[in-house]
Amino acid sequence: MMKICGYNKTTLLDYPGKVAATIFLGSCNFRCPFCQNSSLVLHPAVQPEIPTDEVLSFLKKRQGILDGVCISGGEPTLSEELPDFIREIKALGYAVKLDTNGSRPYVVKELVKEGLIDKAAMDIKACPDNYKALSGLRYPDMDSIFETVDFLMEGHVDYEFRTTVVKELHTEKDFIEIGQWLSGAKAYYLQAYKDSDGVLQPGFTSYSMEELQHFRSILLKTIPLVDIRGID
């Protein structure tokens, strides 16, 4: 069942190039220790639920002011009602961006096939060998991750890849191998980790801007557009 646990009424960050609203759905199949939305991941059942009609009514009122909607989580592709919900958003004239961990490629493919999403942002947790630690799963389904990456890189829809970089969890090896894995990708972003009260496992830190620039230089050898987000 789809559960809307919150929404950000206006953002210039979550859907680059658009003035957008962000909708947060509860539940996730990953347990990333650095997750900023731990309450949505660990305790979705006790989170406040916002009626779908309320969100759609808000979006209707903001037609002409907003031009995009970002659907985030949690992991949105876990919700069976997601396609129908997006259809209602699209009927209001909005572009839709999906944030996903890429674990359910068949859902992403169906959304693209039906023209329901205009952009996908896929979180690349780490290099494949390090996915276990970063996803918080003993046995991450890498075949599904690879399938989603391959599908997006085929160019069926606008997309970007991104990695939240955590000093205690990532090393240079991650970015050397990610650069090989995502060679030729359209766009890739390094996101500086920020600690907060909502983190699943508090206490991690970020690399410095200089260190992130070093990782960027590694990635630029194989990916034409690499940038850094989240450094003030």
C-alpha atoms as a PDB file:
ATOM      1  CA  MET A   1       0.000   0.000   0.000  1.00  0.00           C
ATOM      2  CA  MET A   2       1.265   3.473  -0.869  1.00  0.00           C
ATOM      3  CA  LYS A   3       1.741   5.754   2.093  1.00  0.00           C
ATOM      4  CA  ILE A   4       2.633   9.414   1.656  1.00  0.00           C
ATOM      5  CA  CYS A   5       4.578  10.397   4.766  1.00  0.00           C
ATOM      6  CA  GLY A   6       5.443  13.953   3.808  1.00  0.00           C
ATOM      7  CA  TYR A   7       5.931  16.459   1.043  1.00  0.00           C
ATOM      8  CA  ASN A   8       8.106  19.467   0.435  1.00  0.00           C
ATOM      9  CA  LYS A   9       5.963  22.125  -1.206  1.00  0.00           C
ATOM     10  CA  THR A  10       8.756  23.846  -3.127  1.00  0.00           C
ATOM     11  CA  THR A  11      12.289  22.814  -4.023  1.00  0.00           C
ATOM     12  CA  LEU A  12      14.852  24.001  -6.536  1.00  0.00           C
ATOM     13  CA  LEU A  13      17.236  21.162  -5.644  1.00  0.00           C
ATOM     14  CA  ASP A  14      15.362  17.869  -5.922  1.00  0.00           C
ATOM     15  CA  TYR A  15      14.442  18.244  -9.603  1.00  0.00           C
ATOM     16  CA  PRO A  16      17.320  20.159 -11.218  1.00  0.00           C
ATOM     17  CA  GLY A  17      16.126  22.742 -13.711  1.00  0.00           C
ATOM     18  CA  LYS A  18      12.554  22.776 -12.418  1.00  0.00           C
ATOM     19  CA  VAL A  19      10.581  24.375  -9.618  1.00  0.00           C
ATOM     20  CA  ALA A  20       9.181  21.272  -7.998  1.00  0.00           C
ATOM     21  CA  ALA A  21       7.439  19.650  -5.069  1.00  0.00           C
ATOM     22  CA  THR A  22       8.890  16.512  -3.491  1.00  0.00           C
ATOM     23  CA  ILE A  23       6.694  13.702  -2.208  1.00  0.00           C
ATOM     24  CA  PHE A  24       8.108  11.203   0.291  1.00  0.00           C
ATOM     25  CA  LEU A  25       6.716   7.671   0.354  1.00  0.00           C
ATOM     26  CA  GLY A  26       7.238   5.333   3.296  1.00  0.00           C
ATOM     27  CA  SER A  27       8.994   1.930   3.327  1.00  0.00           C
ATOM     28  CA  CYS A  28      12.324   0.836   1.878  1.00  0.00           C
ATOM     29  CA  ASN A  29      13.987  -2.492   1.102  1.00  0.00           C
ATOM     30  CA  PHE A  30      17.480  -1.148   1.899  1.00  0.00           C
ATOM     31  CA  ARG A  31      18.951  -0.280   5.295  1.00  0.00           C
ATOM     32  CA  CYS A  32      21.687   2.149   4.308  1.00  0.00           C
ATOM     33  CA  PRO A  33      23.424   3.158   7.560  1.00  0.00           C
ATOM     34  CA  PHE A  34      23.806   6.759   6.379  1.00  0.00           C
ATOM     35  CA  CYS A  35      20.132   7.161   5.333  1.00  0.00           C
ATOM     36  CA  GLN A  36      18.731  10.598   6.200  1.00  0.00           C
ATOM     37  CA  ASN A  37      15.114   9.381   6.234  1.00  0.00           C
ATOM     38  CA  SER A  38      15.475   6.563   8.753  1.00  0.00           C
ATOM     39  CA  SER A  39      11.965   7.014  10.149  1.00  0.00           C
ATOM     40  CA  LEU A  40      10.474   6.325   6.706  1.00  0.00           C
ATOM     41  CA  VAL A  41      12.655   3.225   6.396  1.00  0.00           C
ATOM     42  CA  LEU A  42      12.389   1.721   9.865  1.00  0.00           C
ATOM     43  CA  HIS A  43       8.987   2.880  11.090  1.00  0.00           C
ATOM     44  CA  PRO A  44       6.753   3.753   8.125  1.00  0.00           C
ATOM     45  CA  ALA A  45       3.661   2.394   9.869  1.00  0.00           C
ATOM     46  CA  VAL A  46       3.851   4.971  12.659  1.00  0.00           C
ATOM     47  CA  GLN A  47       4.608   7.930  10.403  1.00  0.00           C
ATOM     48  CA  PRO A  48       1.838  10.438   9.795  1.00  0.00           C
ATOM     49  CA  GLU A  49      -0.038   9.627   6.604  1.00  0.00           C
ATOM     50  CA  ILE A  50      -1.007  12.403   4.238  1.00  0.00           C
ATOM     51  CA  PRO A  51      -4.088  11.634   2.128  1.00  0.00           C
ATOM     52  CA  THR A  52      -3.429  11.313  -1.585  1.00  0.00           C
ATOM     53  CA  ASP A  53      -6.311  13.696  -2.290  1.00  0.00           C
ATOM     54  CA  GLU A  54      -4.660  16.378  -0.164  1.00  0.00           C
ATOM     55  CA  VAL A  55      -1.432  16.166  -2.152  1.00  0.00           C
ATOM     56  CA  LEU A  56      -3.218  16.147  -5.505  1.00  0.00           C
ATOM     57  CA  SER A  57      -5.337  19.122  -4.419  1.00  0.00           C
ATOM     58  CA  PHE A  58      -2.176  21.021  -3.487  1.00  0.00           C
ATOM     59  CA  LEU A  59      -0.592  20.189  -6.861  1.00  0.00           C
ATOM     60  CA  LYS A  60      -3.726  21.340  -8.666  1.00  0.00           C
ATOM     61  CA  LYS A  61      -3.575  24.699  -6.893  1.00  0.00           C
ATOM     62  CA  ARG A  62       0.103  25.097  -7.782  1.00  0.00           C
ATOM     63  CA  GLN A  63      -0.346  24.532 -11.514  1.00  0.00           C
ATOM     64  CA  GLY A  64       1.546  27.264 -13.338  1.00  0.00           C
ATOM     65  CA  ILE A  65       3.799  27.863 -10.326  1.00  0.00           C
ATOM     66  CA  LEU A  66       5.419  24.454 -10.045  1.00  0.00           C
ATOM     67  CA  ASP A  67       6.464  22.527 -13.128  1.00  0.00           C
ATOM     68  CA  GLY A  68       7.791  19.291 -11.659  1.00  0.00           C
ATOM     69  CA  VAL A  69       7.175  16.673  -8.991  1.00  0.00           C
ATOM     70  CA  CYS A  70       9.907  14.517  -7.467  1.00  0.00           C
ATOM     71  CA  ILE A  71       8.778  11.231  -5.941  1.00  0.00           C
ATOM     72  CA  SER A  72      11.206  10.025  -3.303  1.00  0.00           C
ATOM     73  CA  GLY A  73      11.221   7.883  -0.183  1.00  0.00           C
ATOM     74  CA  GLY A  74      11.897   5.408   1.207  1.00  0.00           C
ATOM     75  CA  GLU A  75      11.855   3.454  -2.028  1.00  0.00           C
ATOM     76  CA  PRO A  76       8.893   4.548  -4.180  1.00  0.00           C
ATOM     77  CA  THR A  77       8.926   1.491  -6.462  1.00  0.00           C
ATOM     78  CA  LEU A  78       7.738  -0.699  -3.574  1.00  0.00           C
ATOM     79  CA  SER A  79       4.283   0.910  -3.805  1.00  0.00           C
ATOM     80  CA  GLU A  80       1.888  -0.945  -6.093  1.00  0.00           C
ATOM     81  CA  GLU A  81      -0.273   2.172  -6.383  1.00  0.00           C
ATOM     82  CA  LEU A  82       2.626   4.263  -7.699  1.00  0.00           C
ATOM     83  CA  PRO A  83       1.693   4.106 -11.414  1.00  0.00           C
ATOM     84  CA  ASP A  84      -1.899   5.216 -10.773  1.00  0.00           C
ATOM     85  CA  PHE A  85      -0.702   8.001  -8.487  1.00  0.00           C
ATOM     86  CA  ILE A  86       1.732   9.266 -11.124  1.00  0.00           C
ATOM     87  CA  ARG A  87      -1.002   9.166 -13.769  1.00  0.00           C
ATOM     88  CA  GLU A  88      -2.997  11.613 -11.672  1.00  0.00           C
ATOM     89  CA  ILE A  89       0.045  13.874 -11.295  1.00  0.00           C
ATOM     90  CA  LYS A  90       0.779  13.735 -15.030  1.00  0.00           C
ATOM     91  CA  ALA A  91      -2.859  14.611 -15.761  1.00  0.00           C
ATOM     92  CA  LEU A  92      -2.183  17.918 -13.985  1.00  0.00           C
ATOM     93  CA  GLY A  93       0.604  18.658 -16.472  1.00  0.00           C
ATOM     94  CA  TYR A  94       3.641  18.032 -14.292  1.00  0.00           C
ATOM     95  CA  ALA A  95       6.950  16.486 -15.233  1.00  0.00           C
ATOM     96  CA  VAL A  96       7.769  13.638 -12.844  1.00  0.00           C
ATOM     97  CA  LYS A  97      11.168  12.592 -11.527  1.00  0.00           C
ATOM     98  CA  LEU A  98      11.606   9.293  -9.703  1.00  0.00           C
ATOM     99  CA  ASP A  99      14.257   8.729  -7.032  1.00  0.00           C
ATOM    100  CA  THR A 100      15.141   5.053  -6.759  1.00  0.00           C
ATOM    101  CA  ASN A 101      17.762   2.652  -5.464  1.00  0.00           C
ATOM    102  CA  GLY A 102      17.355   0.608  -8.641  1.00  0.00           C
ATOM    103  CA  SER A 103      16.381  -2.606  -6.878  1.00  0.00           C
ATOM    104  CA  ARG A 104      13.158  -3.081  -8.862  1.00  0.00           C
ATOM    105  CA  PRO A 105      14.099  -2.682 -12.524  1.00  0.00           C
ATOM    106  CA  TYR A 106      10.805  -4.029 -13.844  1.00  0.00           C
ATOM    107  CA  VAL A 107       8.926  -1.192 -12.105  1.00  0.00           C
ATOM    108  CA  VAL A 108      11.265   1.448 -13.540  1.00  0.00           C
ATOM    109  CA  LYS A 109      10.913  -0.097 -17.007  1.00  0.00           C
ATOM    110  CA  GLU A 110       7.112  -0.099 -16.818  1.00  0.00           C
ATOM    111  CA  LEU A 111       6.995   3.524 -15.651  1.00  0.00           C
ATOM    112  CA  VAL A 112       9.222   4.549 -18.551  1.00  0.00           C
ATOM    113  CA  LYS A 113       7.323   2.393 -21.061  1.00  0.00           C
ATOM    114  CA  GLU A 114       4.042   4.038 -20.051  1.00  0.00           C
ATOM    115  CA  GLY A 115       5.552   7.527 -20.223  1.00  0.00           C
ATOM    116  CA  LEU A 116       4.895   8.129 -16.545  1.00  0.00           C
ATOM    117  CA  ILE A 117       8.313   9.458 -15.557  1.00  0.00           C
ATOM    118  CA  ASP A 118      10.399  12.113 -17.266  1.00  0.00           C
ATOM    119  CA  LYS A 119      13.580  11.542 -15.300  1.00  0.00           C
ATOM    120  CA  ALA A 120      15.061   8.918 -12.998  1.00  0.00           C
ATOM    121  CA  ALA A 121      17.703   9.575 -10.352  1.00  0.00           C
ATOM    122  CA  MET A 122      19.314   6.316  -9.248  1.00  0.00           C
ATOM    123  CA  ASP A 123      21.397   6.078  -6.125  1.00  0.00           C
ATOM    124  CA  ILE A 124      24.638   4.208  -6.691  1.00  0.00           C
ATOM    125  CA  LYS A 125      25.525   3.126  -3.179  1.00  0.00           C
ATOM    126  CA  ALA A 126      29.130   2.064  -3.834  1.00  0.00           C
ATOM    127  CA  CYS A 127      31.180  -0.086  -6.154  1.00  0.00           C
ATOM    128  CA  PRO A 128      29.550  -3.524  -6.511  1.00  0.00           C
ATOM    129  CA  ASP A 129      31.887  -5.203  -4.018  1.00  0.00           C
ATOM    130  CA  ASN A 130      30.988  -2.640  -1.356  1.00  0.00           C
ATOM    131  CA  TYR A 131      27.207  -2.690  -1.826  1.00  0.00           C
ATOM    132  CA  LYS A 132      26.742  -4.997   1.150  1.00  0.00           C
ATOM    133  CA  ALA A 133      28.074  -2.408   3.601  1.00  0.00           C
ATOM    134  CA  LEU A 134      26.398   0.599   2.017  1.00  0.00           C
ATOM    135  CA  SER A 135      22.974  -0.942   1.426  1.00  0.00           C
ATOM    136  CA  GLY A 136      22.826  -2.523   4.865  1.00  0.00           C
ATOM    137  CA  LEU A 137      21.868  -5.844   3.269  1.00  0.00           C
ATOM    138  CA  ARG A 138      23.690  -9.118   3.745  1.00  0.00           C
ATOM    139  CA  TYR A 139      22.859 -10.208   0.194  1.00  0.00           C
ATOM    140  CA  PRO A 140      22.029  -7.221  -2.036  1.00  0.00           C
ATOM    141  CA  ASP A 141      20.478  -8.239  -5.355  1.00  0.00           C
ATOM    142  CA  MET A 142      23.190  -6.895  -7.619  1.00  0.00           C
ATOM    143  CA  ASP A 143      21.629  -8.402 -10.747  1.00  0.00           C
ATOM    144  CA  SER A 144      18.664  -6.067 -10.315  1.00  0.00           C
ATOM    145  CA  ILE A 145      20.941  -3.101  -9.675  1.00  0.00           C
ATOM    146  CA  PHE A 146      22.942  -3.896 -12.828  1.00  0.00           C
ATOM    147  CA  GLU A 147      19.729  -4.296 -14.830  1.00  0.00           C
ATOM    148  CA  THR A 148      18.422  -0.871 -13.813  1.00  0.00           C
ATOM    149  CA  VAL A 149      21.761   0.785 -14.560  1.00  0.00           C
ATOM    150  CA  ASP A 150      21.941  -0.856 -17.990  1.00  0.00           C
ATOM    151  CA  PHE A 151      18.375   0.134 -18.804  1.00  0.00           C
ATOM    152  CA  LEU A 152      18.926   3.768 -17.870  1.00  0.00           C
ATOM    153  CA  MET A 153      22.188   3.953 -19.785  1.00  0.00           C
ATOM    154  CA  GLU A 154      20.368   2.772 -22.904  1.00  0.00           C
ATOM    155  CA  GLY A 155      18.752   6.222 -22.918  1.00  0.00           C
ATOM    156  CA  HIS A 156      15.045   5.412 -22.685  1.00  0.00           C
ATOM    157  CA  VAL A 157      14.519   8.325 -20.295  1.00  0.00           C
ATOM    158  CA  ASP A 158      16.510  11.237 -18.895  1.00  0.00           C
ATOM    159  CA  TYR A 159      18.538  10.065 -15.908  1.00  0.00           C
ATOM    160  CA  GLU A 160      21.329  10.733 -13.475  1.00  0.00           C
ATOM    161  CA  PHE A 161      23.348   8.572 -11.110  1.00  0.00           C
ATOM    162  CA  ARG A 162      24.465   9.823  -7.726  1.00  0.00           C
ATOM    163  CA  THR A 163      26.393   8.654  -4.686  1.00  0.00           C
ATOM    164  CA  THR A 164      26.258  10.065  -1.177  1.00  0.00           C
ATOM    165  CA  VAL A 165      29.919   9.928  -0.183  1.00  0.00           C
ATOM    166  CA  VAL A 166      30.630   8.834   3.385  1.00  0.00           C
ATOM    167  CA  LYS A 167      34.196   9.055   4.664  1.00  0.00           C
ATOM    168  CA  GLU A 168      33.949   5.969   6.865  1.00  0.00           C
ATOM    169  CA  LEU A 169      32.333   3.807   4.167  1.00  0.00           C
ATOM    170  CA  HIS A 170      33.837   4.816   0.804  1.00  0.00           C
ATOM    171  CA  THR A 171      37.413   4.695  -0.441  1.00  0.00           C
ATOM    172  CA  GLU A 172      39.146   5.672  -3.664  1.00  0.00           C
ATOM    173  CA  LYS A 173      38.624   2.090  -4.852  1.00  0.00           C
ATOM    174  CA  ASP A 174      34.863   2.693  -4.938  1.00  0.00           C
ATOM    175  CA  PHE A 175      35.198   5.535  -7.405  1.00  0.00           C
ATOM    176  CA  ILE A 176      37.776   3.833  -9.601  1.00  0.00           C
ATOM    177  CA  GLU A 177      35.399   0.887  -9.966  1.00  0.00           C
ATOM    178  CA  ILE A 178      32.247   3.017 -10.286  1.00  0.00           C
ATOM    179  CA  GLY A 179      33.982   4.907 -13.077  1.00  0.00           C
ATOM    180  CA  GLN A 180      34.528   1.633 -14.917  1.00  0.00           C
ATOM    181  CA  TRP A 181      31.035   0.349 -14.181  1.00  0.00           C
ATOM    182  CA  LEU A 182      29.243   3.537 -15.303  1.00  0.00           C
ATOM    183  CA  SER A 183      31.613   4.372 -18.151  1.00  0.00           C
ATOM    184  CA  GLY A 184      29.852   6.643 -20.635  1.00  0.00           C
ATOM    185  CA  ALA A 185      26.948   7.501 -18.305  1.00  0.00           C
ATOM    186  CA  LYS A 186      25.127  10.752 -19.007  1.00  0.00           C
ATOM    187  CA  ALA A 187      25.563  12.372 -15.590  1.00  0.00           C
ATOM    188  CA  TYR A 188      26.898  11.404 -12.190  1.00  0.00           C
ATOM    189  CA  TYR A 189      26.878  13.395  -8.960  1.00  0.00           C
ATOM    190  CA  LEU A 190      28.886  13.071  -5.783  1.00  0.00           C
ATOM    191  CA  GLN A 191      26.804  14.190  -2.814  1.00  0.00           C
ATOM    192  CA  ALA A 192      28.617  15.244   0.331  1.00  0.00           C
ATOM    193  CA  TYR A 193      27.314  13.386   3.369  1.00  0.00           C
ATOM    194  CA  LYS A 194      25.692  15.510   6.073  1.00  0.00           C
ATOM    195  CA  ASP A 195      24.992  14.178   9.555  1.00  0.00           C
ATOM    196  CA  SER A 196      21.563  14.887  11.034  1.00  0.00           C
ATOM    197  CA  ASP A 197      19.146  13.726  13.701  1.00  0.00           C
ATOM    198  CA  GLY A 198      17.309  11.553  11.188  1.00  0.00           C
ATOM    199  CA  VAL A 199      20.276   9.421  10.172  1.00  0.00           C
ATOM    200  CA  LEU A 200      19.803   5.686  10.622  1.00  0.00           C
ATOM    201  CA  GLN A 201      23.279   5.311  12.126  1.00  0.00           C
ATOM    202  CA  PRO A 202      24.606   8.716  13.304  1.00  0.00           C
ATOM    203  CA  GLY A 203      28.266   9.662  13.483  1.00  0.00           C
ATOM    204  CA  PHE A 204      29.506   9.468   9.909  1.00  0.00           C
ATOM    205  CA  THR A 205      31.415  12.335   8.317  1.00  0.00           C
ATOM    206  CA  SER A 206      32.036  13.786   4.880  1.00  0.00           C
ATOM    207  CA  TYR A 207      35.194  14.004   2.850  1.00  0.00           C
ATOM    208  CA  SER A 208      36.599  17.490   2.265  1.00  0.00           C
ATOM    209  CA  MET A 209      35.909  19.388  -0.947  1.00  0.00           C
ATOM    210  CA  GLU A 210      39.492  18.703  -2.030  1.00  0.00           C
ATOM    211  CA  GLU A 211      39.020  14.963  -1.510  1.00  0.00           C
ATOM    212  CA  LEU A 212      35.689  14.972  -3.354  1.00  0.00           C
ATOM    213  CA  GLN A 213      37.363  16.825  -6.234  1.00  0.00           C
ATOM    214  CA  HIS A 214      39.941  14.034  -6.359  1.00  0.00           C
ATOM    215  CA  PHE A 215      37.179  11.427  -6.671  1.00  0.00           C
ATOM    216  CA  ARG A 216      35.570  13.602  -9.342  1.00  0.00           C
ATOM    217  CA  SER A 217      38.796  13.650 -11.351  1.00  0.00           C
ATOM    218  CA  ILE A 218      38.879   9.845 -11.274  1.00  0.00           C
ATOM    219  CA  LEU A 219      35.288   9.604 -12.511  1.00  0.00           C
ATOM    220  CA  LEU A 220      35.774  12.203 -15.255  1.00  0.00           C
ATOM    221  CA  LYS A 221      38.096   9.775 -17.039  1.00  0.00           C
ATOM    222  CA  THR A 222      35.073   7.707 -18.090  1.00  0.00           C
ATOM    223  CA  ILE A 223      31.962   9.840 -17.352  1.00  0.00           C
ATOM    224  CA  PRO A 224      31.635  13.159 -19.240  1.00  0.00           C
ATOM    225  CA  LEU A 225      29.561  15.014 -16.630  1.00  0.00           C
ATOM    226  CA  VAL A 226      30.513  14.646 -12.974  1.00  0.00           C
ATOM    227  CA  ASP A 227      29.693  17.273 -10.368  1.00  0.00           C
ATOM    228  CA  ILE A 228      29.608  17.713  -6.593  1.00  0.00           C
ATOM    229  CA  ARG A 229      26.544  18.582  -4.543  1.00  0.00           C
ATOM    230  CA  GLY A 230      26.042  19.434  -0.903  1.00  0.00           C
ATOM    231  CA  ILE A 231      29.214  21.343  -0.060  1.00  0.00           C
ATOM    232  CA  ASP A 232      28.303  24.748   1.412  1.00  0.00           C
END
